[in-house]
Amino acid sequence: NTAFLLTWIGARPVEAPYIITGQILTVIYFCSILLMSVTSNISKTLTK
């Protein structure tokens, strides 16, 4: 789960491997939210 991993990364020290991991997980998290919205709209359109 991305939210769990972001919480764990947030508790880590600000060091090289954790910074890039946090940035990648943040992009994945927000892309998944956008993707859920888009697929929901497409599904609603197709079921009409």
PDB file of N, CA and C in Angstrom:
ATOM      1  N   ASN A   1       0.843  -1.175   0.000  1.00  0.00           N
ATOM      2  CA  ASN A   1       0.000   0.000   0.000  1.00  0.00           C
ATOM      3  C   ASN A   1       0.889   1.239   0.000  1.00  0.00           C
ATOM      4  N   THR A   2       0.632   2.139  -0.922  1.00  0.00           N
ATOM      5  CA  THR A   2       1.466   3.322  -1.082  1.00  0.00           C
ATOM      6  C   THR A   2       1.363   4.255   0.120  1.00  0.00           C
ATOM      7  N   ALA A   3       0.176   4.406   0.687  1.00  0.00           N
ATOM      8  CA  ALA A   3       0.013   5.296   1.837  1.00  0.00           C
ATOM      9  C   ALA A   3       0.824   4.793   3.026  1.00  0.00           C
ATOM     10  N   PHE A   4       0.842   3.498   3.231  1.00  0.00           N
ATOM     11  CA  PHE A   4       1.644   2.927   4.320  1.00  0.00           C
ATOM     12  C   PHE A   4       3.127   3.185   4.089  1.00  0.00           C
ATOM     13  N   LEU A   5       3.589   2.970   2.865  1.00  0.00           N
ATOM     14  CA  LEU A   5       5.000   3.195   2.555  1.00  0.00           C
ATOM     15  C   LEU A   5       5.377   4.665   2.688  1.00  0.00           C
ATOM     16  N   LEU A   6       4.481   5.575   2.303  1.00  0.00           N
ATOM     17  CA  LEU A   6       4.763   6.997   2.473  1.00  0.00           C
ATOM     18  C   LEU A   6       4.864   7.369   3.948  1.00  0.00           C
ATOM     19  N   THR A   7       4.036   6.766   4.777  1.00  0.00           N
ATOM     20  CA  THR A   7       4.117   7.007   6.220  1.00  0.00           C
ATOM     21  C   THR A   7       5.436   6.509   6.767  1.00  0.00           C
ATOM     22  N   TRP A   8       5.854   5.337   6.327  1.00  0.00           N
ATOM     23  CA  TRP A   8       7.128   4.777   6.787  1.00  0.00           C
ATOM     24  C   TRP A   8       8.304   5.632   6.326  1.00  0.00           C
ATOM     25  N   ILE A   9       8.277   6.060   5.065  1.00  0.00           N
ATOM     26  CA  ILE A   9       9.355   6.896   4.525  1.00  0.00           C
ATOM     27  C   ILE A   9       9.405   8.229   5.259  1.00  0.00           C
ATOM     28  N   GLY A  10       8.260   8.767   5.630  1.00  0.00           N
ATOM     29  CA  GLY A  10       8.218  10.036   6.354  1.00  0.00           C
ATOM     30  C   GLY A  10       8.876   9.967   7.714  1.00  0.00           C
ATOM     31  N   ALA A  11       8.949   8.773   8.281  1.00  0.00           N
ATOM     32  CA  ALA A  11       9.577   8.598   9.589  1.00  0.00           C
ATOM     33  C   ALA A  11      11.078   8.341   9.484  1.00  0.00           C
ATOM     34  N   ARG A  12      11.581   8.165   8.279  1.00  0.00           N
ATOM     35  CA  ARG A  12      13.014   7.913   8.060  1.00  0.00           C
ATOM     36  C   ARG A  12      13.777   9.231   8.045  1.00  0.00           C
ATOM     37  N   PRO A  13      15.081   9.177   8.315  1.00  0.00           N
ATOM     38  CA  PRO A  13      15.893  10.398   8.247  1.00  0.00           C
ATOM     39  C   PRO A  13      15.997  10.920   6.812  1.00  0.00           C
ATOM     40  N   VAL A  14      16.249  12.213   6.704  1.00  0.00           N
ATOM     41  CA  VAL A  14      16.356  12.831   5.379  1.00  0.00           C
ATOM     42  C   VAL A  14      17.738  12.515   4.821  1.00  0.00           C
ATOM     43  N   GLU A  15      17.796  11.394   4.125  1.00  0.00           N
ATOM     44  CA  GLU A  15      19.043  10.933   3.526  1.00  0.00           C
ATOM     45  C   GLU A  15      18.758  10.467   2.104  1.00  0.00           C
ATOM     46  N   ALA A  16      19.829  10.252   1.371  1.00  0.00           N
ATOM     47  CA  ALA A  16      19.741   9.982  -0.072  1.00  0.00           C
ATOM     48  C   ALA A  16      18.751   8.887  -0.478  1.00  0.00           C
ATOM     49  N   PRO A  17      18.803   7.687   0.041  1.00  0.00           N
ATOM     50  CA  PRO A  17      17.882   6.686  -0.522  1.00  0.00           C
ATOM     51  C   PRO A  17      16.423   6.961  -0.164  1.00  0.00           C
ATOM     52  N   TYR A  18      16.193   7.599   0.971  1.00  0.00           N
ATOM     53  CA  TYR A  18      14.817   7.836   1.408  1.00  0.00           C
ATOM     54  C   TYR A  18      14.175   9.012   0.685  1.00  0.00           C
ATOM     55  N   ILE A  19      14.972   9.987   0.293  1.00  0.00           N
ATOM     56  CA  ILE A  19      14.421  11.150  -0.407  1.00  0.00           C
ATOM     57  C   ILE A  19      13.846  10.738  -1.754  1.00  0.00           C
ATOM     58  N   ILE A  20      14.628  10.045  -2.555  1.00  0.00           N
ATOM     59  CA  ILE A  20      14.158   9.647  -3.887  1.00  0.00           C
ATOM     60  C   ILE A  20      13.018   8.638  -3.787  1.00  0.00           C
ATOM     61  N   THR A  21      13.076   7.766  -2.796  1.00  0.00           N
ATOM     62  CA  THR A  21      11.989   6.801  -2.601  1.00  0.00           C
ATOM     63  C   THR A  21      10.695   7.521  -2.259  1.00  0.00           C
ATOM     64  N   GLY A  22      10.773   8.518  -1.394  1.00  0.00           N
ATOM     65  CA  GLY A  22       9.593   9.301  -1.044  1.00  0.00           C
ATOM     66  C   GLY A  22       9.026  10.048  -2.234  1.00  0.00           C
ATOM     67  N   GLN A  23       9.895  10.587  -3.070  1.00  0.00           N
ATOM     68  CA  GLN A  23       9.434  11.305  -4.256  1.00  0.00           C
ATOM     69  C   GLN A  23       8.756  10.364  -5.245  1.00  0.00           C
ATOM     70  N   ILE A  24       9.330   9.208  -5.452  1.00  0.00           N
ATOM     71  CA  ILE A  24       8.734   8.230  -6.369  1.00  0.00           C
ATOM     72  C   ILE A  24       7.387   7.748  -5.839  1.00  0.00           C
ATOM     73  N   LEU A  25       7.325   7.453  -4.548  1.00  0.00           N
ATOM     74  CA  LEU A  25       6.067   6.991  -3.961  1.00  0.00           C
ATOM     75  C   LEU A  25       4.993   8.074  -4.005  1.00  0.00           C
ATOM     76  N   THR A  26       5.391   9.331  -3.858  1.00  0.00           N
ATOM     77  CA  THR A  26       4.432  10.429  -3.944  1.00  0.00           C
ATOM     78  C   THR A  26       3.839  10.524  -5.339  1.00  0.00           C
ATOM     79  N   VAL A  27       4.666  10.393  -6.352  1.00  0.00           N
ATOM     80  CA  VAL A  27       4.174  10.424  -7.736  1.00  0.00           C
ATOM     81  C   VAL A  27       3.226   9.257  -7.985  1.00  0.00           C
ATOM     82  N   ILE A  28       3.595   8.071  -7.519  1.00  0.00           N
ATOM     83  CA  ILE A  28       2.735   6.893  -7.693  1.00  0.00           C
ATOM     84  C   ILE A  28       1.400   7.096  -6.987  1.00  0.00           C
ATOM     85  N   TYR A  29       1.432   7.654  -5.779  1.00  0.00           N
ATOM     86  CA  TYR A  29       0.218   7.871  -4.993  1.00  0.00           C
ATOM     87  C   TYR A  29      -0.751   8.801  -5.724  1.00  0.00           C
ATOM     88  N   PHE A  30      -0.250   9.949  -6.176  1.00  0.00           N
ATOM     89  CA  PHE A  30      -1.135  10.909  -6.830  1.00  0.00           C
ATOM     90  C   PHE A  30      -1.565  10.440  -8.215  1.00  0.00           C
ATOM     91  N   CYS A  31      -0.719   9.717  -8.911  1.00  0.00           N
ATOM     92  CA  CYS A  31      -1.125   9.152 -10.203  1.00  0.00           C
ATOM     93  C   CYS A  31      -2.230   8.120 -10.021  1.00  0.00           C
ATOM     94  N   SER A  32      -2.160   7.342  -8.953  1.00  0.00           N
ATOM     95  CA  SER A  32      -3.211   6.348  -8.719  1.00  0.00           C
ATOM     96  C   SER A  32      -4.540   7.023  -8.396  1.00  0.00           C
ATOM     97  N   ILE A  33      -4.499   8.141  -7.668  1.00  0.00           N
ATOM     98  CA  ILE A  33      -5.733   8.883  -7.382  1.00  0.00           C
ATOM     99  C   ILE A  33      -6.325   9.435  -8.675  1.00  0.00           C
ATOM    100  N   LEU A  34      -5.480  10.024  -9.513  1.00  0.00           N
ATOM    101  CA  LEU A  34      -5.962  10.542 -10.793  1.00  0.00           C
ATOM    102  C   LEU A  34      -6.486   9.424 -11.687  1.00  0.00           C
ATOM    103  N   LEU A  35      -5.800   8.300 -11.703  1.00  0.00           N
ATOM    104  CA  LEU A  35      -6.226   7.175 -12.525  1.00  0.00           C
ATOM    105  C   LEU A  35      -7.578   6.631 -12.063  1.00  0.00           C
ATOM    106  N   MET A  36      -7.801   6.580 -10.755  1.00  0.00           N
ATOM    107  CA  MET A  36      -9.098   6.121 -10.250  1.00  0.00           C
ATOM    108  C   MET A  36     -10.211   7.060 -10.689  1.00  0.00           C
ATOM    109  N   SER A  37      -9.942   8.356 -10.673  1.00  0.00           N
ATOM    110  CA  SER A  37     -10.939   9.333 -11.104  1.00  0.00           C
ATOM    111  C   SER A  37     -11.251   9.187 -12.589  1.00  0.00           C
ATOM    112  N   VAL A  38     -10.224   9.040 -13.394  1.00  0.00           N
ATOM    113  CA  VAL A  38     -10.415   8.903 -14.841  1.00  0.00           C
ATOM    114  C   VAL A  38     -11.165   7.620 -15.171  1.00  0.00           C
ATOM    115  N   THR A  39     -10.774   6.514 -14.562  1.00  0.00           N
ATOM    116  CA  THR A  39     -11.457   5.249 -14.851  1.00  0.00           C
ATOM    117  C   THR A  39     -12.901   5.271 -14.369  1.00  0.00           C
ATOM    118  N   SER A  40     -13.169   5.978 -13.283  1.00  0.00           N
ATOM    119  CA  SER A  40     -14.543   6.098 -12.813  1.00  0.00           C
ATOM    120  C   SER A  40     -15.389   6.872 -13.817  1.00  0.00           C
ATOM    121  N   ASN A  41     -14.840   7.949 -14.329  1.00  0.00           N
ATOM    122  CA  ASN A  41     -15.575   8.738 -15.328  1.00  0.00           C
ATOM    123  C   ASN A  41     -15.787   7.953 -16.614  1.00  0.00           C
ATOM    124  N   ILE A  42     -14.805   7.207 -17.038  1.00  0.00           N
ATOM    125  CA  ILE A  42     -14.945   6.383 -18.245  1.00  0.00           C
ATOM    126  C   ILE A  42     -16.001   5.305 -18.023  1.00  0.00           C
ATOM    127  N   SER A  43     -15.988   4.703 -16.856  1.00  0.00           N
ATOM    128  CA  SER A  43     -16.968   3.663 -16.544  1.00  0.00           C
ATOM    129  C   SER A  43     -18.385   4.225 -16.550  1.00  0.00           C
ATOM    130  N   LYS A  44     -18.552   5.404 -15.976  1.00  0.00           N
ATOM    131  CA  LYS A  44     -19.878   6.029 -15.963  1.00  0.00           C
ATOM    132  C   LYS A  44     -20.345   6.346 -17.376  1.00  0.00           C
ATOM    133  N   THR A  45     -19.417   6.785 -18.218  1.00  0.00           N
ATOM    134  CA  THR A  45     -19.760   7.110 -19.601  1.00  0.00           C
ATOM    135  C   THR A  45     -20.145   5.858 -20.380  1.00  0.00           C
ATOM    136  N   LEU A  46     -19.424   4.777 -20.179  1.00  0.00           N
ATOM    137  CA  LEU A  46     -19.689   3.549 -20.928  1.00  0.00           C
ATOM    138  C   LEU A  46     -20.969   2.852 -20.485  1.00  0.00           C
ATOM    139  N   THR A  47     -21.384   3.036 -19.250  1.00  0.00           N
ATOM    140  CA  THR A  47     -22.578   2.345 -18.761  1.00  0.00           C
ATOM    141  C   THR A  47     -23.866   3.091 -19.076  1.00  0.00           C
ATOM    142  N   LYS A  48     -23.770   4.275 -19.653  1.00  0.00           N
ATOM    143  CA  LYS A  48     -24.986   5.026 -20.009  1.00  0.00           C
ATOM    144  C   LYS A  48     -25.642   4.457 -21.237  1.00  0.00           C
TER     145      LYS A  48
END
